[in-house]
Each structure stands twice: as C-alpha cells, then as structure tokens.
C-alpha cells in the first residue's frame, strides 16, 4: 500500500494512493482517505479524491530523522573517506523536513550544497533494542529522501548539525510504500533531467536490519521516525533554480526545486 499525507481545503489527512500513472505525472491516481492514522489499525473510508486536487505533504512528521553516513563504499571513497568500522549516525531535526514539490531553500551560510539520494525507512511503532530477526516488524514502510548537505560547512565544522540540519534539508516523499523488499532497489538522482546518481541498495555496507539494530540499541524509535540509509556515489552540487529528483524503484519520485532564501 502507498500511504500519502496530504492537505485539501485546509484539512490534513492520510490516504491510500490507488491507480497507476505515467512517469512524472499524477494522472489516474486517486486517494482513498484513511479513517485514523497509519500507525494503528485503520480503515479506508471509501471517499476518494483525485491526487491532482490535493497538495502532497511530507508523508510523516518524524520526531527525529537519524541519518547514516558513508554506508556506500564508493560514496565514501569519492569524498576521500574510508568505510567506518561502525555506522556513523547523525540527526536531522524535524524542522529540516520538506515534502514533495516543496522548495529546498539554499542556506545563506553555504556556497556548496549537494544532493544525496537515499532510501528512507519509516518506523511504524515504538521500539528499542530491536533484535535483527524482528527488525522488519517495526517498519511501516519506505520512502524517497534527499539528504541535502552543505558540503563546505560539513568539511569546515566537522560536526554535521548545521551542514545537514538546516531548514528544508530533508525532503521526503512522495508517499510511504508499505509492501516492499528494500534489499535490491535502484536509486537514482537527476538534476534538471540529467542523471547524477545511480546505484542499488545491494551496495549498502550495512542493511536496513543492521541499521535498526544499531540505532535502537541507543535510543527509542517512535512511530513516524525516519532512518536515512546512506547515499550511492555521484553526489554533487545544487544551484538556485535547479530541479532535483530522487527516484527509487518500487516507490516513486520525489521532486524539489532549489530557491534562494528570500
């Protein structure tokens, strides 16, 4: 099931996305509005709205976004780094989250902002110290993410809080796909239609299950929390006016445009 969060006539709701559409369009897609929230038992209302008539929002509002750095060997190498012995975790605040179609606002304190296409894991229930064999049980589903990074600030400040945590630095969407095997998916990033990144989740150094085990050893994960699983090689600059799109096999495409801070 594809679960979207949307607004219509000033109201916010969740809905199940139904139908098929040509790539890059929402033609033919409808939302069956959900009674309740997707983190508990819910029913479909049977009330359907064309997707073209609503505004898609970030599919979840996470309490926290936990990112994982250098989880693809070729990406680590392209930035002159080695694969770490243990996963490198960092946080992106909830205020960094943006939705499909939202603007990425170029931060005033950076001169080098990069795209990073990533598979995002959405947690479905509260959990801690999750054993590996139960890791899939705590997942609601998966969505596309762009771990937008002020690369010059990341290098200069060493700590990644400002470099990866500025407002709009975490686009998510377009929806959460609940029926998906994340172990072998294509991840692609384009900028203005030109391919920049192309990889597969088979290239991840540590699997989704391994990451959930590692993170939940230290902290409680809450429904709606998001784990970013790392980016393939090919990261590169974004400029004001660029349109960046992250496409993941079995999920869809997340598109955002870069704008200058007003």
C-alpha atoms as a PDB file:
ATOM      1  CA  UNK A   1       0.000   0.000   0.000  1.00  0.00           C
ATOM      2  CA  UNK A   2       1.140   3.533  -0.782  1.00  0.00           C
ATOM      3  CA  UNK A   3       0.221   5.867   2.069  1.00  0.00           C
ATOM      4  CA  UNK A   4       0.306   9.612   1.435  1.00  0.00           C
ATOM      5  CA  UNK A   5      -0.221  12.561   3.734  1.00  0.00           C
ATOM      6  CA  UNK A   6      -1.986  15.483   2.107  1.00  0.00           C
ATOM      7  CA  UNK A   7      -3.962  18.655   2.588  1.00  0.00           C
ATOM      8  CA  UNK A   8      -7.230  19.628   0.947  1.00  0.00           C
ATOM      9  CA  UNK A   9      -9.466  22.576   1.767  1.00  0.00           C
ATOM     10  CA  UNK A  10      -7.346  23.362   4.812  1.00  0.00           C
ATOM     11  CA  UNK A  11      -7.613  19.844   6.244  1.00  0.00           C
ATOM     12  CA  UNK A  12      -4.763  17.334   6.631  1.00  0.00           C
ATOM     13  CA  UNK A  13      -5.326  13.609   6.243  1.00  0.00           C
ATOM     14  CA  UNK A  14      -3.732  10.337   5.227  1.00  0.00           C
ATOM     15  CA  UNK A  15      -4.867   8.393   2.199  1.00  0.00           C
ATOM     16  CA  UNK A  16      -4.080   5.222   0.288  1.00  0.00           C
ATOM     17  CA  UNK A  17      -2.816   6.000  -3.206  1.00  0.00           C
ATOM     18  CA  UNK A  18      -4.602   3.921  -5.822  1.00  0.00           C
ATOM     19  CA  UNK A  19      -4.174   3.563  -9.577  1.00  0.00           C
ATOM     20  CA  UNK A  20      -1.271   3.916 -11.970  1.00  0.00           C
ATOM     21  CA  UNK A  21       0.072   6.957 -13.785  1.00  0.00           C
ATOM     22  CA  UNK A  22       2.630   7.765 -16.478  1.00  0.00           C
ATOM     23  CA  UNK A  23       6.089   8.633 -15.068  1.00  0.00           C
ATOM     24  CA  UNK A  24       6.285  12.208 -13.815  1.00  0.00           C
ATOM     25  CA  UNK A  25       2.525  12.717 -13.575  1.00  0.00           C
ATOM     26  CA  UNK A  26      -0.294  12.040 -11.126  1.00  0.00           C
ATOM     27  CA  UNK A  27      -2.858  11.379 -13.864  1.00  0.00           C
ATOM     28  CA  UNK A  28      -5.064   8.457 -12.898  1.00  0.00           C
ATOM     29  CA  UNK A  29      -4.064   8.400  -9.234  1.00  0.00           C
ATOM     30  CA  UNK A  30      -6.662   8.790  -6.501  1.00  0.00           C
ATOM     31  CA  UNK A  31      -6.541   8.895  -2.720  1.00  0.00           C
ATOM     32  CA  UNK A  32      -8.853   6.738  -0.613  1.00  0.00           C
ATOM     33  CA  UNK A  33      -8.998   8.724   2.626  1.00  0.00           C
ATOM     34  CA  UNK A  34      -7.912   6.765   5.697  1.00  0.00           C
ATOM     35  CA  UNK A  35     -10.001   6.689   8.851  1.00  0.00           C
ATOM     36  CA  UNK A  36      -7.439   7.235  11.599  1.00  0.00           C
ATOM     37  CA  UNK A  37      -3.671   7.161  11.231  1.00  0.00           C
ATOM     38  CA  UNK A  38      -1.422   4.584   9.583  1.00  0.00           C
ATOM     39  CA  UNK A  39       0.466   3.815  12.814  1.00  0.00           C
ATOM     40  CA  UNK A  40      -2.527   1.970  14.256  1.00  0.00           C
ATOM     41  CA  UNK A  41      -5.381  -0.123  12.927  1.00  0.00           C
ATOM     42  CA  UNK A  42      -7.221   1.884  10.302  1.00  0.00           C
ATOM     43  CA  UNK A  43      -9.869   1.541   7.632  1.00  0.00           C
ATOM     44  CA  UNK A  44     -10.252   3.034   4.194  1.00  0.00           C
ATOM     45  CA  UNK A  45     -13.215   5.374   4.127  1.00  0.00           C
ATOM     46  CA  UNK A  46     -14.175   4.759   0.508  1.00  0.00           C
ATOM     47  CA  UNK A  47     -14.127   8.530  -0.036  1.00  0.00           C
ATOM     48  CA  UNK A  48     -11.813   9.087  -2.974  1.00  0.00           C
ATOM     49  CA  UNK A  49     -10.109  12.276  -4.155  1.00  0.00           C
ATOM     50  CA  UNK A  50      -8.007  12.734  -7.310  1.00  0.00           C
ATOM     51  CA  UNK A  51      -4.383  13.168  -6.339  1.00  0.00           C
ATOM     52  CA  UNK A  52      -4.182  16.137  -8.679  1.00  0.00           C
ATOM     53  CA  UNK A  53      -6.686  18.010  -6.462  1.00  0.00           C
ATOM     54  CA  UNK A  54      -4.629  17.845  -3.254  1.00  0.00           C
ATOM     55  CA  UNK A  55      -1.272  19.074  -2.014  1.00  0.00           C
ATOM     56  CA  UNK A  56       1.050  16.269  -1.006  1.00  0.00           C
ATOM     57  CA  UNK A  57       2.804  16.875   2.317  1.00  0.00           C
ATOM     58  CA  UNK A  58       5.799  15.108   3.844  1.00  0.00           C
ATOM     59  CA  UNK A  59       4.448  11.567   4.281  1.00  0.00           C
ATOM     60  CA  UNK A  60       5.295  11.656   8.002  1.00  0.00           C
ATOM     61  CA  UNK A  61       6.279  14.273  10.577  1.00  0.00           C
ATOM     62  CA  UNK A  62       9.137  12.493  12.340  1.00  0.00           C
ATOM     63  CA  UNK A  63      10.115  13.146  15.922  1.00  0.00           C
ATOM     64  CA  UNK A  64      13.658  12.538  14.682  1.00  0.00           C
ATOM     65  CA  UNK A  65      15.471  11.707  11.474  1.00  0.00           C
ATOM     66  CA  UNK A  66      18.513   9.500  12.018  1.00  0.00           C
ATOM     67  CA  UNK A  67      20.948   9.594   9.126  1.00  0.00           C
ATOM     68  CA  UNK A  68      23.720   7.121   8.396  1.00  0.00           C
ATOM     69  CA  UNK A  69      26.916   8.376   6.788  1.00  0.00           C
ATOM     70  CA  UNK A  70      29.243   6.501   4.434  1.00  0.00           C
ATOM     71  CA  UNK A  71      27.057   3.427   4.027  1.00  0.00           C
ATOM     72  CA  UNK A  72      28.039   3.034   0.353  1.00  0.00           C
ATOM     73  CA  UNK A  73      31.739   2.335  -0.186  1.00  0.00           C
ATOM     74  CA  UNK A  74      32.002   4.232  -3.481  1.00  0.00           C
ATOM     75  CA  UNK A  75      30.401   7.318  -1.965  1.00  0.00           C
ATOM     76  CA  UNK A  76      32.799   7.233   0.978  1.00  0.00           C
ATOM     77  CA  UNK A  77      35.707   6.969  -1.470  1.00  0.00           C
ATOM     78  CA  UNK A  78      34.546   9.826  -3.697  1.00  0.00           C
ATOM     79  CA  UNK A  79      34.794  12.195  -0.723  1.00  0.00           C
ATOM     80  CA  UNK A  80      38.148  10.798   0.369  1.00  0.00           C
ATOM     81  CA  UNK A  81      36.818   8.734   3.262  1.00  0.00           C
ATOM     82  CA  UNK A  82      37.051   5.103   4.273  1.00  0.00           C
ATOM     83  CA  UNK A  83      34.082   2.975   5.268  1.00  0.00           C
ATOM     84  CA  UNK A  84      33.857   3.286   9.068  1.00  0.00           C
ATOM     85  CA  UNK A  85      34.116   0.261  11.334  1.00  0.00           C
ATOM     86  CA  UNK A  86      30.708   1.053  12.812  1.00  0.00           C
ATOM     87  CA  UNK A  87      27.802   3.028  11.304  1.00  0.00           C
ATOM     88  CA  UNK A  88      28.211   6.802  11.589  1.00  0.00           C
ATOM     89  CA  UNK A  89      24.885   8.201  12.791  1.00  0.00           C
ATOM     90  CA  UNK A  90      23.738  11.825  12.788  1.00  0.00           C
ATOM     91  CA  UNK A  91      20.468  13.695  13.276  1.00  0.00           C
ATOM     92  CA  UNK A  92      18.432  15.947  11.026  1.00  0.00           C
ATOM     93  CA  UNK A  93      15.849  17.922  13.034  1.00  0.00           C
ATOM     94  CA  UNK A  94      12.138  17.761  12.323  1.00  0.00           C
ATOM     95  CA  UNK A  95      12.339  21.349  11.045  1.00  0.00           C
ATOM     96  CA  UNK A  96      14.550  20.173   8.167  1.00  0.00           C
ATOM     97  CA  UNK A  97      11.754  18.034   6.707  1.00  0.00           C
ATOM     98  CA  UNK A  98      10.131  19.147   3.446  1.00  0.00           C
ATOM     99  CA  UNK A  99       7.594  17.463   1.216  1.00  0.00           C
ATOM    100  CA  UNK A 100       7.262  16.618  -2.465  1.00  0.00           C
ATOM    101  CA  UNK A 101       7.184  19.792  -4.530  1.00  0.00           C
ATOM    102  CA  UNK A 102       8.394  21.928  -1.645  1.00  0.00           C
ATOM    103  CA  UNK A 103      11.354  24.228  -2.196  1.00  0.00           C
ATOM    104  CA  UNK A 104      14.852  23.500  -0.961  1.00  0.00           C
ATOM    105  CA  UNK A 105      15.978  26.884   0.356  1.00  0.00           C
ATOM    106  CA  UNK A 106      19.676  27.439  -0.296  1.00  0.00           C
ATOM    107  CA  UNK A 107      21.252  28.347   3.069  1.00  0.00           C
ATOM    108  CA  UNK A 108      22.920  31.740   3.318  1.00  0.00           C
ATOM    109  CA  UNK A 109      25.933  30.303   5.182  1.00  0.00           C
ATOM    110  CA  UNK A 110      26.992  27.867   2.438  1.00  0.00           C
ATOM    111  CA  UNK A 111      28.477  28.096  -1.033  1.00  0.00           C
ATOM    112  CA  UNK A 112      28.406  24.361  -1.823  1.00  0.00           C
ATOM    113  CA  UNK A 113      25.147  22.452  -1.335  1.00  0.00           C
ATOM    114  CA  UNK A 114      24.967  18.842  -2.537  1.00  0.00           C
ATOM    115  CA  UNK A 115      22.176  16.358  -3.265  1.00  0.00           C
ATOM    116  CA  UNK A 116      22.226  12.889  -1.705  1.00  0.00           C
ATOM    117  CA  UNK A 117      19.541  10.443  -2.893  1.00  0.00           C
ATOM    118  CA  UNK A 118      18.621   7.924  -0.214  1.00  0.00           C
ATOM    119  CA  UNK A 119      16.190   5.181   0.726  1.00  0.00           C
ATOM    120  CA  UNK A 120      14.335   6.258   3.874  1.00  0.00           C
ATOM    121  CA  UNK A 121      12.888   3.784   6.377  1.00  0.00           C
ATOM    122  CA  UNK A 122       9.739   4.884   8.217  1.00  0.00           C
ATOM    123  CA  UNK A 123       9.261   3.359  11.666  1.00  0.00           C
ATOM    124  CA  UNK A 124       5.768   2.066  12.385  1.00  0.00           C
ATOM    125  CA  UNK A 125       5.756   1.504  16.132  1.00  0.00           C
ATOM    126  CA  UNK A 126       7.650   2.412  19.278  1.00  0.00           C
ATOM    127  CA  UNK A 127      10.638   0.151  19.753  1.00  0.00           C
ATOM    128  CA  UNK A 128      14.050  -0.147  21.359  1.00  0.00           C
ATOM    129  CA  UNK A 129      16.794  -2.777  21.416  1.00  0.00           C
ATOM    130  CA  UNK A 130      15.250  -4.469  18.388  1.00  0.00           C
ATOM    131  CA  UNK A 131      16.717  -7.913  17.611  1.00  0.00           C
ATOM    132  CA  UNK A 132      17.747  -8.349  13.994  1.00  0.00           C
ATOM    133  CA  UNK A 133      15.131 -11.016  13.303  1.00  0.00           C
ATOM    134  CA  UNK A 134      12.383  -8.601  14.394  1.00  0.00           C
ATOM    135  CA  UNK A 135      13.651  -5.525  12.565  1.00  0.00           C
ATOM    136  CA  UNK A 136      11.176  -5.742   9.672  1.00  0.00           C
ATOM    137  CA  UNK A 137       8.313  -5.908  12.197  1.00  0.00           C
ATOM    138  CA  UNK A 138       8.888  -2.316  13.346  1.00  0.00           C
ATOM    139  CA  UNK A 139       8.893  -0.819   9.845  1.00  0.00           C
ATOM    140  CA  UNK A 140       5.825   0.897   8.433  1.00  0.00           C
ATOM    141  CA  UNK A 141       7.371   1.293   5.001  1.00  0.00           C
ATOM    142  CA  UNK A 142       9.818   3.159   2.817  1.00  0.00           C
ATOM    143  CA  UNK A 143      10.015   6.488   1.034  1.00  0.00           C
ATOM    144  CA  UNK A 144      12.436   8.592  -1.008  1.00  0.00           C
ATOM    145  CA  UNK A 145      14.734  11.073   0.711  1.00  0.00           C
ATOM    146  CA  UNK A 146      17.231  13.724  -0.261  1.00  0.00           C
ATOM    147  CA  UNK A 147      19.861  14.216   2.438  1.00  0.00           C
ATOM    148  CA  UNK A 148      20.692  17.746   1.269  1.00  0.00           C
ATOM    149  CA  UNK A 149      24.097  18.722   2.632  1.00  0.00           C
ATOM    150  CA  UNK A 150      26.073  21.966   2.864  1.00  0.00           C
ATOM    151  CA  UNK A 151      29.318  20.230   1.928  1.00  0.00           C
ATOM    152  CA  UNK A 152      31.645  23.142   2.645  1.00  0.00           C
ATOM    153  CA  UNK A 153      30.127  23.569   6.100  1.00  0.00           C
ATOM    154  CA  UNK A 154      30.359  19.827   6.753  1.00  0.00           C
ATOM    155  CA  UNK A 155      34.080  19.893   5.980  1.00  0.00           C
ATOM    156  CA  UNK A 156      34.746  23.098   7.887  1.00  0.00           C
ATOM    157  CA  UNK A 157      32.781  22.408  11.059  1.00  0.00           C
ATOM    158  CA  UNK A 158      33.344  18.624  11.367  1.00  0.00           C
ATOM    159  CA  UNK A 159      30.105  18.297  13.339  1.00  0.00           C
ATOM    160  CA  UNK A 160      27.287  17.885  10.835  1.00  0.00           C
ATOM    161  CA  UNK A 161      24.421  19.597  12.654  1.00  0.00           C
ATOM    162  CA  UNK A 162      24.284  22.783  10.572  1.00  0.00           C
ATOM    163  CA  UNK A 163      25.523  21.170   7.364  1.00  0.00           C
ATOM    164  CA  UNK A 164      22.712  18.616   7.277  1.00  0.00           C
ATOM    165  CA  UNK A 165      20.137  20.126   9.611  1.00  0.00           C
ATOM    166  CA  UNK A 166      19.192  23.435   8.052  1.00  0.00           C
ATOM    167  CA  UNK A 167      15.554  24.131   7.165  1.00  0.00           C
ATOM    168  CA  UNK A 168      14.372  22.149   4.079  1.00  0.00           C
ATOM    169  CA  UNK A 169      17.490  19.918   4.108  1.00  0.00           C
ATOM    170  CA  UNK A 170      15.423  16.725   4.344  1.00  0.00           C
ATOM    171  CA  UNK A 171      12.840  16.365   1.562  1.00  0.00           C
ATOM    172  CA  UNK A 172      10.767  13.170   1.955  1.00  0.00           C
ATOM    173  CA  UNK A 173       8.113  11.622  -0.276  1.00  0.00           C
ATOM    174  CA  UNK A 174       6.063  11.322  -2.287  1.00  0.00           C
ATOM    175  CA  UNK A 175       4.456   8.650  -0.074  1.00  0.00           C
ATOM    176  CA  UNK A 176       5.279   5.623   2.068  1.00  0.00           C
ATOM    177  CA  UNK A 177       5.301   2.250   0.311  1.00  0.00           C
ATOM    178  CA  UNK A 178       4.458  -0.452   2.860  1.00  0.00           C
ATOM    179  CA  UNK A 179       4.847  -3.538   0.652  1.00  0.00           C
ATOM    180  CA  UNK A 180       8.467  -3.505  -0.444  1.00  0.00           C
ATOM    181  CA  UNK A 181      11.661  -5.526  -0.076  1.00  0.00           C
ATOM    182  CA  UNK A 182      14.432  -2.930   0.369  1.00  0.00           C
ATOM    183  CA  UNK A 183      17.342  -5.278  -0.283  1.00  0.00           C
ATOM    184  CA  UNK A 184      17.762  -4.708  -4.046  1.00  0.00           C
ATOM    185  CA  UNK A 185      16.281  -1.448  -5.343  1.00  0.00           C
ATOM    186  CA  UNK A 186      17.547   1.073  -7.878  1.00  0.00           C
ATOM    187  CA  UNK A 187      18.219   4.586  -6.515  1.00  0.00           C
ATOM    188  CA  UNK A 188      18.560   7.429  -8.992  1.00  0.00           C
ATOM    189  CA  UNK A 189      19.036  11.181  -8.722  1.00  0.00           C
ATOM    190  CA  UNK A 190      18.634  13.652 -11.569  1.00  0.00           C
ATOM    191  CA  UNK A 191      19.235  17.393 -11.642  1.00  0.00           C
ATOM    192  CA  UNK A 192      17.394  19.274 -14.383  1.00  0.00           C
ATOM    193  CA  UNK A 193      16.787  15.910 -16.055  1.00  0.00           C
ATOM    194  CA  UNK A 194      20.472  14.924 -16.077  1.00  0.00           C
ATOM    195  CA  UNK A 195      21.396  11.755 -14.203  1.00  0.00           C
ATOM    196  CA  UNK A 196      23.780  12.365 -11.329  1.00  0.00           C
ATOM    197  CA  UNK A 197      23.456   9.273  -9.143  1.00  0.00           C
ATOM    198  CA  UNK A 198      22.585   5.680  -9.990  1.00  0.00           C
ATOM    199  CA  UNK A 199      23.026   2.860  -7.508  1.00  0.00           C
ATOM    200  CA  UNK A 200      21.365  -0.118  -5.887  1.00  0.00           C
ATOM    201  CA  UNK A 201      20.592  -0.861  -2.269  1.00  0.00           C
ATOM    202  CA  UNK A 202      22.606  -4.077  -2.628  1.00  0.00           C
ATOM    203  CA  UNK A 203      25.642  -1.762  -2.435  1.00  0.00           C
ATOM    204  CA  UNK A 204      24.845  -0.709   1.133  1.00  0.00           C
ATOM    205  CA  UNK A 205      27.599  -1.697   3.549  1.00  0.00           C
ATOM    206  CA  UNK A 206      25.060  -2.339   6.283  1.00  0.00           C
ATOM    207  CA  UNK A 207      21.496  -3.461   5.668  1.00  0.00           C
ATOM    208  CA  UNK A 208      18.271  -1.880   6.839  1.00  0.00           C
ATOM    209  CA  UNK A 209      18.012  -4.524   9.554  1.00  0.00           C
ATOM    210  CA  UNK A 210      21.550  -3.863  10.767  1.00  0.00           C
ATOM    211  CA  UNK A 211      20.880  -0.134  10.982  1.00  0.00           C
ATOM    212  CA  UNK A 212      17.695  -0.584  13.012  1.00  0.00           C
ATOM    213  CA  UNK A 213      19.541  -2.847  15.450  1.00  0.00           C
ATOM    214  CA  UNK A 214      22.416  -0.375  15.780  1.00  0.00           C
ATOM    215  CA  UNK A 215      20.261   2.718  16.275  1.00  0.00           C
ATOM    216  CA  UNK A 216      17.705   1.132  18.597  1.00  0.00           C
ATOM    217  CA  UNK A 217      20.497  -0.041  20.923  1.00  0.00           C
ATOM    218  CA  UNK A 218      20.956   3.606  21.853  1.00  0.00           C
ATOM    219  CA  UNK A 219      17.547   5.226  21.553  1.00  0.00           C
ATOM    220  CA  UNK A 220      13.831   4.549  21.410  1.00  0.00           C
ATOM    221  CA  UNK A 221      12.385   4.853  17.938  1.00  0.00           C
ATOM    222  CA  UNK A 222       8.883   6.294  17.705  1.00  0.00           C
ATOM    223  CA  UNK A 223       6.135   5.860  15.096  1.00  0.00           C
ATOM    224  CA  UNK A 224       6.937   8.139  12.179  1.00  0.00           C
ATOM    225  CA  UNK A 225      10.645   8.384  12.904  1.00  0.00           C
ATOM    226  CA  UNK A 226      12.820   8.107   9.804  1.00  0.00           C
ATOM    227  CA  UNK A 227      16.142   6.402   9.154  1.00  0.00           C
ATOM    228  CA  UNK A 228      18.186   7.564   6.156  1.00  0.00           C
ATOM    229  CA  UNK A 229      20.226   4.614   4.909  1.00  0.00           C
ATOM    230  CA  UNK A 230      23.052   6.395   3.076  1.00  0.00           C
ATOM    231  CA  UNK A 231      23.652   7.568  -0.478  1.00  0.00           C
ATOM    232  CA  UNK A 232      25.311   5.979  -3.515  1.00  0.00           C
ATOM    233  CA  UNK A 233      28.227   7.628  -5.302  1.00  0.00           C
ATOM    234  CA  UNK A 234      27.666  10.612  -7.564  1.00  0.00           C
ATOM    235  CA  UNK A 235      26.754  13.349  -5.107  1.00  0.00           C
ATOM    236  CA  UNK A 236      27.208  16.821  -6.496  1.00  0.00           C
ATOM    237  CA  UNK A 237      26.275  20.480  -6.362  1.00  0.00           C
ATOM    238  CA  UNK A 238      22.851  22.061  -6.425  1.00  0.00           C
ATOM    239  CA  UNK A 239      22.324  25.635  -7.554  1.00  0.00           C
ATOM    240  CA  UNK A 240      19.446  28.061  -7.204  1.00  0.00           C
ATOM    241  CA  UNK A 241      16.884  27.232  -9.905  1.00  0.00           C
ATOM    242  CA  UNK A 242      17.799  23.551 -10.157  1.00  0.00           C
ATOM    243  CA  UNK A 243      15.119  20.855 -10.086  1.00  0.00           C
ATOM    244  CA  UNK A 244      16.336  17.752  -8.280  1.00  0.00           C
ATOM    245  CA  UNK A 245      14.500  14.421  -8.422  1.00  0.00           C
ATOM    246  CA  UNK A 246      15.094  11.257  -6.397  1.00  0.00           C
ATOM    247  CA  UNK A 247      13.571   8.093  -7.854  1.00  0.00           C
ATOM    248  CA  UNK A 248      13.557   4.740  -6.063  1.00  0.00           C
ATOM    249  CA  UNK A 249      12.340   1.543  -7.666  1.00  0.00           C
ATOM    250  CA  UNK A 250       9.006   0.416  -6.252  1.00  0.00           C
ATOM    251  CA  UNK A 251       8.298   3.753  -4.546  1.00  0.00           C
ATOM    252  CA  UNK A 252       8.209   6.682  -6.965  1.00  0.00           C
ATOM    253  CA  UNK A 253       9.823  10.071  -7.490  1.00  0.00           C
ATOM    254  CA  UNK A 254      10.454  12.932  -5.076  1.00  0.00           C
ATOM    255  CA  UNK A 255      10.963  16.258  -6.859  1.00  0.00           C
ATOM    256  CA  UNK A 256      12.043  19.602  -5.387  1.00  0.00           C
ATOM    257  CA  UNK A 257      13.321  22.899  -6.735  1.00  0.00           C
ATOM    258  CA  UNK A 258      16.153  24.910  -5.194  1.00  0.00           C
ATOM    259  CA  UNK A 259      15.376  28.546  -4.425  1.00  0.00           C
ATOM    260  CA  UNK A 260      17.253  31.487  -2.939  1.00  0.00           C
ATOM    261  CA  UNK A 261      16.386  32.441   0.613  1.00  0.00           C
ATOM    262  CA  UNK A 262      14.077  35.434   0.426  1.00  0.00           C
END
